[in-house]
Amino acid sequence: MEHAYLFKGLLTENGWLENVKITVDNLGKITSITPNTPLTTEEWVNGYALPGFQNAHSHAFQYAMAGLAEYHEGQSTPDDFWSWRTAMYNLALSISPEQLEAIATMLYAEMVRHGYTAVAEFHYLHHDKNGKPYTNLAEHGERLIAAAKNAGIAITLVPMFYQKGGFGQPAEDKQKRFISAHITDYYNLLEASNQATACYTNANLGIGIHSLRAVEANAIIEVCNTLKDHQPFHIHISEQLKEIEDCLSFYNKRPVEWLLENCNVNNNYHLVHATHLNKQEVEGIAKAQANVVICPTTEGNLGDGLFAFAHYKSLEGRWSIGTDSHVSLNPFEEIRLLDYGQRLTTHKRHTFFKPNYGDSGFNAIKMAWTAGKKAMGQTTQDFFKIGQGFDAVVLDANAPLIASSSTKNLCNTMVYASDPAQILGTIVNGKWIVKQGIHNKKDEITSKFISTMKALGSRL
């Protein structure tokens, strides 16, 4: 049985349509899109529907420590990415499968509330607390998929190959839950993870290397050479200056330089952070048509640095956004911080400008969505299309700045001058998952999360 929605506005990849009727079938797939429709018996939504945002980089378990790494013991204690990483390892050592599922469910529900409808889960918490594989190799992967299903978000599970403790270094004891000692171990994990995706219609599989420092060179090359068409490949790279220094010492190459020279980097590659690149590396990524996943709030929180966005964009480089450690879950905030970081370095205000189209908000939404879809393993170019699932975030047409704006100014108003309180809700596969700011399983999910966190004791 079909259901019809009538929206005040619908954002397409070519701009806004007004008074749009969307019909969906019982699977949530779009059967018709009709603009300029008079109000009749459809479900009237006095809001503007945008395509659901794609969260291209997530470490779900880290949500349990969001906001906890800001207590600094003193000036004599160094506090940087590496000290933060130690705190993250301590958390990773303590989480049970049941706790991981509860944390991830809460996180994913909050993502949906903020307008994300899909997430790429960069997953490396694989084993039990003693570092031994579970009988079900994909135990934690199945938990993440179950969490996504319960929260109502699509998931691309990307199990990470994590083998070493650093360039040429054995794994540390605190990394024992992450480790696949041999490439065959990783392939077995990957196959089990692929089987786990069958548990949820809106789950699929990616492939990835945690980082160049975490896997031996020959294994990196072999994994990269096994990629299937359209299968997304994710990797952390060049996030920290120390990583680059260590890579130069070990390989006599910078990380992106080494990757470009040794692997067939192409448009299925998603290079996460890529914060510290030289001119040649930026040009090499763009030439290969690879994608960069930028996580501005996490990169700012960790003191990583700023991606060379202006140069990359001038080469028509492709980028998406992710929330990584989840200190923020607001996609508009990720886009704003990305823009403002660039303005502070270039002293210009046209970060997202495109020739003959200066709508910054629209340009940012379109690129983040398009490359984000690619990060999920999808190649669609249409925000909304007959035959595909109807996924949308809907902003309140009565919000003062939105209500007083023409369609020409809507995207910029939403990106630069809105907050989550202006989100009416989020629709995934044709159904409201969040409505009037309330997730349809809010009480159940929140209660389980709070009891889990109390048992875990990490926030005390």
Protein backbone atom coordinates (compact mmCIF):
# COMPACT_ATOMS: atom_id res chain seq x y z
CA MET A 1 0.00 0.00 0.00
CA GLU A 2 1.38 3.39 -0.96
CA HIS A 3 1.76 6.36 1.35
CA ALA A 4 2.01 9.97 0.21
CA TYR A 5 3.79 12.94 1.77
CA LEU A 6 3.38 16.54 0.70
CA PHE A 7 6.32 18.81 1.58
CA LYS A 8 6.57 22.57 1.34
CA GLY A 9 9.90 22.04 -0.41
CA LEU A 10 12.19 19.24 -1.60
CA LEU A 11 15.88 19.73 -2.36
CA THR A 12 17.06 18.02 -5.52
CA GLU A 13 20.57 17.90 -6.94
CA ASN A 14 19.45 20.76 -9.22
CA GLY A 15 17.83 22.94 -6.56
CA TRP A 16 14.50 23.28 -4.76
CA LEU A 17 11.09 22.02 -5.85
CA GLU A 18 8.05 23.48 -4.06
CA ASN A 19 4.87 21.82 -2.78
CA VAL A 20 6.15 18.37 -3.65
CA LYS A 21 4.15 15.18 -3.35
CA ILE A 22 6.25 12.05 -2.70
CA THR A 23 4.63 8.63 -2.79
CA VAL A 24 6.35 5.54 -1.42
CA ASP A 25 5.48 1.86 -1.55
CA ASN A 26 5.37 -0.51 1.41
CA LEU A 27 9.16 -1.01 1.15
CA GLY A 28 9.74 2.72 1.43
CA LYS A 29 10.82 3.12 -2.19
CA ILE A 30 9.77 6.23 -4.09
CA THR A 31 7.06 5.63 -6.68
CA SER A 32 6.40 9.22 -7.75
CA ILE A 33 7.68 12.78 -7.26
CA THR A 34 5.22 15.52 -8.18
CA PRO A 35 5.99 19.23 -7.64
CA ASN A 36 3.42 22.02 -7.45
CA THR A 37 0.78 19.74 -5.93
CA PRO A 38 -2.25 21.32 -4.23
CA LEU A 39 -2.95 20.26 -0.65
CA THR A 40 -5.36 17.30 -0.70
CA THR A 41 -5.41 14.16 1.46
CA GLU A 42 -1.67 13.49 1.63
CA GLU A 43 0.28 13.75 4.87
CA TRP A 44 1.08 17.47 4.85
CA VAL A 45 4.52 18.28 6.24
CA ASN A 46 5.17 21.98 6.70
CA GLY A 47 8.87 21.52 6.20
CA TYR A 48 11.71 21.39 3.72
CA ALA A 49 13.08 17.92 2.93
CA LEU A 50 16.79 17.49 2.25
CA PRO A 51 18.49 14.20 1.37
CA GLY A 52 19.52 12.37 4.52
CA PHE A 53 23.15 13.05 5.39
CA GLN A 54 25.80 10.35 4.98
CA ASN A 55 28.13 9.84 7.95
CA ALA A 56 31.25 8.51 6.24
CA HIS A 57 33.38 7.82 9.32
CA SER A 58 32.33 6.45 12.71
CA HIS A 59 33.95 4.60 15.62
CA ALA A 60 30.79 3.73 17.53
CA PHE A 61 32.38 2.62 20.80
CA GLN A 62 34.11 5.98 21.19
CA TYR A 63 30.73 7.63 21.80
CA ALA A 64 31.02 6.28 25.34
CA MET A 65 33.90 8.71 26.00
CA ALA A 66 32.55 11.76 24.12
CA GLY A 67 33.38 14.85 26.19
CA LEU A 68 35.49 12.95 28.73
CA ALA A 69 38.94 13.78 27.38
CA GLU A 70 38.89 17.44 28.39
CA TYR A 71 40.04 17.04 31.99
CA HIS A 72 43.71 18.02 31.85
CA GLU A 73 45.83 17.06 34.81
CA GLY A 74 48.37 19.87 34.59
CA GLN A 75 50.75 21.82 32.40
CA SER A 76 53.48 19.22 32.87
CA THR A 77 51.30 16.45 31.43
CA PRO A 78 51.32 16.37 27.62
CA ASP A 79 47.84 16.11 26.16
CA ASP A 80 47.63 15.45 22.44
CA PHE A 81 46.30 12.87 20.03
CA TRP A 82 48.58 10.18 21.41
CA SER A 83 47.56 10.67 25.05
CA TRP A 84 43.93 10.74 23.94
CA ARG A 85 44.56 7.46 22.10
CA THR A 86 45.72 5.81 25.33
CA ALA A 87 42.45 6.79 27.03
CA MET A 88 40.55 5.41 24.05
CA TYR A 89 42.45 2.11 24.28
CA ASN A 90 41.53 1.82 27.96
CA LEU A 91 37.86 2.19 27.08
CA ALA A 92 38.14 -0.33 24.23
CA LEU A 93 39.55 -2.94 26.63
CA SER A 94 36.52 -2.77 28.92
CA ILE A 95 33.47 -2.99 26.61
CA SER A 96 31.43 -6.21 26.30
CA PRO A 97 29.47 -7.13 23.15
CA GLU A 98 26.18 -6.24 24.88
CA GLN A 99 27.58 -2.88 25.97
CA LEU A 100 28.88 -2.17 22.47
CA GLU A 101 25.44 -2.79 21.03
CA ALA A 102 23.77 -0.48 23.57
CA ILE A 103 26.33 2.29 22.96
CA ALA A 104 26.07 1.98 19.19
CA THR A 105 22.26 1.94 19.26
CA MET A 106 22.18 5.18 21.25
CA LEU A 107 24.76 6.75 18.96
CA TYR A 108 22.99 5.74 15.77
CA ALA A 109 19.63 6.92 17.11
CA GLU A 110 21.21 10.29 17.85
CA MET A 111 22.71 10.37 14.35
CA VAL A 112 19.23 9.89 12.89
CA ARG A 113 17.86 12.62 15.16
CA HIS A 114 20.47 14.99 13.73
CA GLY A 115 19.67 14.08 10.11
CA TYR A 116 22.03 11.24 9.20
CA THR A 117 20.37 8.32 7.43
CA ALA A 118 23.47 6.19 6.74
CA VAL A 119 26.76 5.52 8.50
CA ALA A 120 30.07 3.92 7.50
CA GLU A 121 31.31 2.15 10.61
CA PHE A 122 35.13 2.02 10.63
CA HIS A 123 35.21 -1.08 12.82
CA TYR A 124 38.31 -2.40 14.55
CA LEU A 125 37.10 -3.57 17.98
CA HIS A 126 37.00 -7.23 16.93
CA HIS A 127 37.98 -9.61 19.75
CA ASP A 128 37.17 -10.44 23.36
CA LYS A 129 38.77 -8.73 26.35
CA ASN A 130 41.68 -11.15 26.25
CA GLY A 131 42.36 -10.45 22.60
CA LYS A 132 40.97 -13.81 21.45
CA PRO A 133 38.58 -14.09 18.49
CA TYR A 134 34.99 -14.85 19.41
CA THR A 135 33.54 -18.15 18.18
CA ASN A 136 31.53 -15.91 15.88
CA LEU A 137 34.35 -13.89 14.31
CA ALA A 138 31.91 -11.09 13.52
CA GLU A 139 30.37 -10.95 17.01
CA HIS A 140 30.95 -7.21 17.33
CA GLY A 141 30.09 -6.56 13.69
CA GLU A 142 26.74 -8.26 14.21
CA ARG A 143 26.18 -6.11 17.30
CA LEU A 144 26.81 -2.95 15.29
CA ILE A 145 24.45 -4.09 12.56
CA ALA A 146 21.78 -4.94 15.14
CA ALA A 147 22.27 -1.47 16.63
CA ALA A 148 21.80 0.17 13.24
CA LYS A 149 18.66 -1.87 12.58
CA ASN A 150 17.17 -0.94 15.95
CA ALA A 151 18.05 2.73 15.51
CA GLY A 152 16.73 2.81 11.94
CA ILE A 153 19.88 3.85 10.09
CA ALA A 154 21.57 2.22 7.09
CA ILE A 155 25.06 0.89 7.83
CA THR A 156 28.11 0.08 5.79
CA LEU A 157 30.24 -2.10 8.05
CA VAL A 158 33.92 -1.64 7.30
CA PRO A 159 35.96 -4.22 9.26
CA MET A 160 39.50 -2.95 9.61
CA PHE A 161 42.69 -4.88 9.11
CA TYR A 162 44.83 -4.01 12.16
CA GLN A 163 48.04 -5.99 12.53
CA LYS A 164 50.88 -3.91 14.02
CA GLY A 165 51.52 -1.42 16.81
CA GLY A 166 53.29 1.01 14.50
CA PHE A 167 55.65 1.00 11.53
CA GLY A 168 57.64 -2.21 11.99
CA GLN A 169 56.46 -2.50 15.60
CA PRO A 170 54.60 -5.39 17.25
CA ALA A 171 51.12 -4.69 18.53
CA GLU A 172 50.83 -3.26 22.04
CA ASP A 173 48.94 -5.16 24.71
CA LYS A 174 46.27 -2.43 24.73
CA GLN A 175 45.64 -3.09 21.03
CA LYS A 176 44.97 -6.80 21.49
CA ARG A 177 41.25 -6.58 20.73
CA PHE A 178 41.97 -5.10 17.30
CA ILE A 179 44.57 -7.48 15.90
CA SER A 180 44.42 -9.83 12.93
CA ALA A 181 47.95 -11.26 13.00
CA HIS A 182 47.88 -12.60 9.45
CA ILE A 183 46.11 -11.58 6.27
CA THR A 184 44.16 -14.86 6.29
CA ASP A 185 42.79 -13.89 9.71
CA TYR A 186 41.55 -10.64 8.23
CA TYR A 187 39.94 -12.37 5.26
CA ASN A 188 38.16 -14.77 7.63
CA LEU A 189 36.89 -11.79 9.63
CA LEU A 190 35.79 -10.09 6.42
CA GLU A 191 33.84 -13.13 5.27
CA ALA A 192 32.12 -13.49 8.64
CA SER A 193 31.26 -9.79 8.53
CA ASN A 194 29.82 -10.18 5.05
CA GLN A 195 27.55 -12.95 6.33
CA ALA A 196 26.49 -10.71 9.22
CA THR A 197 25.20 -8.05 6.82
CA ALA A 198 22.50 -10.51 5.75
CA CYS A 199 20.81 -9.81 9.11
CA TYR A 200 19.66 -6.37 7.94
CA THR A 201 18.38 -5.24 4.55
CA ASN A 202 20.06 -1.86 4.91
CA ALA A 203 23.53 -3.23 5.70
CA ASN A 204 26.43 -3.78 3.36
CA LEU A 205 30.17 -4.35 3.56
CA GLY A 206 33.27 -2.27 2.95
CA ILE A 207 36.92 -3.15 3.31
CA GLY A 208 39.80 -1.29 4.90
CA ILE A 209 43.23 -0.92 6.42
CA HIS A 210 43.32 0.91 9.73
CA SER A 211 46.42 2.87 8.69
CA LEU A 212 49.78 2.34 7.01
CA ARG A 213 51.40 2.02 10.42
CA ALA A 214 49.02 -0.76 11.43
CA VAL A 215 49.60 -3.27 8.60
CA GLU A 216 52.66 -4.70 6.85
CA ALA A 217 53.40 -3.35 3.39
CA ASN A 218 52.90 -6.59 1.44
CA ALA A 219 49.56 -7.18 3.18
CA ILE A 220 48.36 -3.65 2.41
CA ILE A 221 49.16 -4.14 -1.26
CA GLU A 222 47.45 -7.54 -1.38
CA VAL A 223 44.26 -6.27 0.27
CA CYS A 224 44.13 -3.27 -2.06
CA ASN A 225 44.51 -5.56 -5.07
CA THR A 226 41.47 -7.65 -4.04
CA LEU A 227 38.95 -4.79 -4.14
CA LYS A 228 35.76 -5.49 -6.06
CA ASP A 229 34.03 -2.96 -8.30
CA HIS A 230 32.33 -0.23 -6.26
CA GLN A 231 33.44 -1.76 -2.94
CA PRO A 232 34.49 1.14 -0.72
CA PHE A 233 38.00 1.03 0.75
CA HIS A 234 38.62 3.13 3.88
CA ILE A 235 41.91 4.04 5.55
CA HIS A 236 43.15 6.55 8.15
CA ILE A 237 46.05 8.44 6.64
CA SER A 238 48.30 11.42 7.42
CA GLU A 239 46.25 12.47 10.42
CA GLN A 240 49.22 13.30 12.64
CA LEU A 241 52.65 14.80 12.03
CA LYS A 242 54.29 11.99 14.01
CA GLU A 243 52.70 9.48 11.66
CA ILE A 244 54.35 11.22 8.72
CA GLU A 245 57.71 11.39 10.46
CA ASP A 246 57.56 7.69 11.32
CA CYS A 247 56.50 6.78 7.79
CA LEU A 248 59.41 8.78 6.32
CA SER A 249 61.79 7.02 8.68
CA PHE A 250 60.44 3.53 7.86
CA TYR A 251 59.53 3.76 4.15
CA ASN A 252 61.42 6.89 3.14
CA LYS A 253 58.06 8.07 1.82
CA ARG A 254 55.21 10.13 3.16
CA PRO A 255 52.00 8.10 3.80
CA VAL A 256 49.92 9.30 0.85
CA GLU A 257 53.02 9.27 -1.36
CA TRP A 258 53.61 5.60 -0.45
CA LEU A 259 49.95 4.67 -0.99
CA LEU A 260 49.81 6.32 -4.41
CA GLU A 261 53.00 4.59 -5.53
CA ASN A 262 52.13 1.10 -4.27
CA CYS A 263 48.37 0.72 -4.65
CA ASN A 264 45.88 1.28 -7.44
CA VAL A 265 44.26 4.26 -5.75
CA ASN A 266 40.96 5.08 -7.48
CA ASN A 267 37.49 6.46 -6.85
CA ASN A 268 36.62 3.64 -4.44
CA TYR A 269 39.27 4.85 -1.98
CA HIS A 270 38.20 6.97 0.98
CA LEU A 271 41.18 8.56 2.73
CA VAL A 272 40.12 9.56 6.22
CA HIS A 273 41.54 12.84 7.58
CA ALA A 274 44.49 13.24 5.15
CA THR A 275 45.24 16.27 7.26
CA HIS A 276 48.92 16.83 6.52
CA LEU A 277 49.60 16.60 2.79
CA ASN A 278 52.10 18.30 0.53
CA LYS A 279 51.19 19.77 -2.84
CA GLN A 280 52.10 16.63 -4.78
CA GLU A 281 49.99 14.40 -2.53
CA VAL A 282 46.93 16.62 -2.87
CA GLU A 283 47.32 16.57 -6.63
CA GLY A 284 47.88 12.81 -6.64
CA ILE A 285 44.68 12.11 -4.70
CA ALA A 286 42.66 14.38 -6.97
CA LYS A 287 44.17 12.86 -10.12
CA ALA A 288 43.31 9.36 -8.88
CA GLN A 289 39.74 10.58 -8.23
CA ALA A 290 39.98 9.25 -4.67
CA ASN A 291 37.82 10.72 -1.92
CA VAL A 292 38.79 12.40 1.34
CA VAL A 293 36.65 11.93 4.46
CA ILE A 294 36.93 15.03 6.64
CA CYS A 295 35.83 14.97 10.30
CA PRO A 296 36.15 18.63 11.34
CA THR A 297 34.83 18.47 14.90
CA THR A 298 36.95 15.47 15.84
CA GLU A 299 40.00 16.84 14.02
CA GLY A 300 39.55 20.10 15.88
CA ASN A 301 38.98 18.33 19.19
CA LEU A 302 42.14 16.24 18.79
CA GLY A 303 44.25 19.12 17.51
CA ASP A 304 44.98 17.29 14.26
CA GLY A 305 45.17 20.29 11.96
CA LEU A 306 43.39 21.49 8.82
CA PHE A 307 43.11 19.67 5.51
CA ALA A 308 44.44 21.50 2.43
CA PHE A 309 40.91 22.02 1.21
CA ALA A 310 41.36 25.06 -1.06
CA HIS A 311 43.97 23.36 -3.23
CA TYR A 312 42.05 20.09 -3.27
CA LYS A 313 38.80 21.77 -4.27
CA SER A 314 40.55 23.69 -7.04
CA LEU A 315 41.36 20.27 -8.53
CA GLU A 316 37.70 19.19 -8.20
CA GLY A 317 38.57 16.85 -5.34
CA ARG A 318 35.74 14.86 -3.78
CA TRP A 319 35.02 14.90 -0.06
CA SER A 320 32.52 13.71 2.52
CA ILE A 321 32.06 14.25 6.25
CA GLY A 322 32.17 11.97 9.28
CA THR A 323 31.72 12.30 13.02
CA ASP A 324 34.58 9.93 13.97
CA SER A 325 34.77 10.15 17.80
CA HIS A 326 31.32 11.79 18.02
CA VAL A 327 32.04 14.94 20.00
CA SER A 328 29.42 16.40 17.68
CA LEU A 329 26.66 14.69 15.71
CA ASN A 330 25.39 17.71 13.78
CA PRO A 331 26.16 17.50 10.02
CA PHE A 332 25.66 21.24 9.59
CA GLU A 333 28.26 21.84 12.28
CA GLU A 334 30.76 19.60 10.47
CA ILE A 335 30.25 21.61 7.27
CA ARG A 336 30.44 24.94 9.07
CA LEU A 337 33.64 24.07 10.93
CA LEU A 338 35.22 22.80 7.73
CA ASP A 339 34.38 26.10 6.06
CA TYR A 340 35.42 28.35 8.93
CA GLY A 341 38.74 26.58 9.38
CA GLN A 342 39.51 27.33 5.76
CA ARG A 343 38.39 30.96 6.06
CA LEU A 344 40.81 31.44 8.94
CA THR A 345 43.73 30.26 6.82
CA THR A 346 42.81 31.64 3.38
CA HIS A 347 41.17 34.85 4.69
CA LYS A 348 38.49 34.32 2.02
CA ARG A 349 34.82 33.53 2.48
CA HIS A 350 34.08 31.45 -0.61
CA THR A 351 35.29 28.01 0.49
CA PHE A 352 32.57 26.08 -1.35
CA PHE A 353 32.28 28.36 -4.37
CA LYS A 354 31.87 26.72 -7.77
CA PRO A 355 32.13 28.57 -11.10
CA ASN A 356 28.74 29.95 -12.08
CA TYR A 357 27.16 28.65 -8.86
CA GLY A 358 27.97 30.48 -5.67
CA ASP A 359 25.43 28.84 -3.34
CA SER A 360 27.88 27.69 -0.67
CA GLY A 361 25.36 25.77 1.42
CA PHE A 362 23.98 23.86 -1.55
CA ASN A 363 27.43 23.07 -2.94
CA ALA A 364 28.55 21.70 0.43
CA ILE A 365 25.42 19.58 0.92
CA LYS A 366 25.71 18.16 -2.59
CA MET A 367 29.38 17.18 -2.37
CA ALA A 368 29.14 15.78 1.17
CA TRP A 369 26.13 13.69 0.11
CA THR A 370 27.55 12.49 -3.23
CA ALA A 371 30.95 11.41 -1.89
CA GLY A 372 29.23 10.14 1.26
CA LYS A 373 27.07 7.83 -0.83
CA LYS A 374 30.22 6.59 -2.51
CA ALA A 375 31.73 5.90 0.92
CA MET A 376 28.73 3.67 1.61
CA GLY A 377 29.37 1.73 -1.59
CA GLN A 378 26.59 3.38 -3.60
CA THR A 379 26.92 5.28 -6.86
CA THR A 380 23.60 7.09 -7.12
CA GLN A 381 23.77 10.74 -8.15
CA ASP A 382 20.14 11.70 -7.46
CA PHE A 383 19.05 12.96 -4.04
CA PHE A 384 15.59 11.48 -4.60
CA LYS A 385 14.78 9.07 -7.41
CA ILE A 386 11.89 6.80 -8.31
CA GLY A 387 12.79 3.27 -7.25
CA GLN A 388 15.21 4.19 -4.49
CA GLY A 389 14.47 4.38 -0.77
CA PHE A 390 13.08 7.67 0.49
CA ASP A 391 15.59 9.02 3.03
CA ALA A 392 15.26 12.63 4.15
CA VAL A 393 15.88 15.07 6.95
CA VAL A 394 13.08 17.64 7.25
CA LEU A 395 13.61 21.16 8.57
CA ASP A 396 10.80 23.21 10.06
CA ALA A 397 9.35 25.71 7.59
CA ASN A 398 8.16 27.80 10.56
CA ALA A 399 11.63 28.32 12.03
CA PRO A 400 11.98 32.14 11.92
CA LEU A 401 15.00 32.45 9.62
CA ILE A 402 13.76 29.66 7.35
CA ALA A 403 10.20 31.01 7.21
CA SER A 404 11.45 34.41 6.14
CA SER A 405 13.87 33.11 3.45
CA SER A 406 13.29 32.58 -0.25
CA THR A 407 14.33 29.26 -1.74
CA LYS A 408 17.43 31.03 -3.07
CA ASN A 409 18.64 31.49 0.50
CA LEU A 410 17.33 28.30 2.12
CA CYS A 411 20.43 26.09 1.88
CA ASN A 412 22.74 28.78 3.23
CA THR A 413 20.28 29.55 6.04
CA MET A 414 20.14 25.89 6.99
CA VAL A 415 23.87 25.23 6.79
CA TYR A 416 25.10 28.44 8.43
CA ALA A 417 22.26 29.55 10.72
CA SER A 418 20.30 26.54 11.94
CA ASP A 419 20.46 24.19 14.91
CA PRO A 420 19.07 20.70 15.59
CA ALA A 421 15.96 22.14 17.24
CA GLN A 422 14.82 23.17 13.74
CA ILE A 423 14.75 19.57 12.50
CA LEU A 424 11.15 18.35 12.33
CA GLY A 425 12.28 14.79 11.86
CA THR A 426 14.10 12.20 9.80
CA ILE A 427 12.58 9.71 7.38
CA VAL A 428 14.41 6.49 6.50
CA ASN A 429 13.04 4.12 3.87
CA GLY A 430 9.83 6.07 3.69
CA LYS A 431 9.02 6.05 7.42
CA TRP A 432 9.46 8.61 10.17
CA ILE A 433 12.19 7.35 12.50
CA VAL A 434 12.42 10.69 14.28
CA LYS A 435 9.38 12.98 14.42
CA GLN A 436 9.13 16.31 16.22
CA GLY A 437 12.65 15.68 17.48
CA ILE A 438 11.75 12.36 19.17
CA HIS A 439 13.13 9.01 18.01
CA ASN A 440 10.38 6.40 17.85
CA LYS A 441 12.35 4.14 20.23
CA LYS A 442 13.80 6.91 22.38
CA ASP A 443 12.77 5.62 25.81
CA GLU A 444 13.87 2.03 25.21
CA ILE A 445 17.22 2.99 23.66
CA THR A 446 18.04 5.72 26.18
CA SER A 447 17.22 3.56 29.19
CA LYS A 448 19.46 0.75 27.97
CA PHE A 449 22.28 3.17 27.19
CA ILE A 450 22.20 4.86 30.61
CA SER A 451 22.20 1.55 32.47
CA THR A 452 25.06 0.36 30.26
CA MET A 453 27.13 3.45 30.96
CA LYS A 454 26.54 3.13 34.70
CA ALA A 455 27.70 -0.49 34.58
CA LEU A 456 30.71 0.44 32.48
CA GLY A 457 31.62 3.24 34.88
CA SER A 458 33.60 5.20 32.32
CA ARG A 459 31.66 8.44 32.83
CA LEU A 460 31.83 8.55 36.62
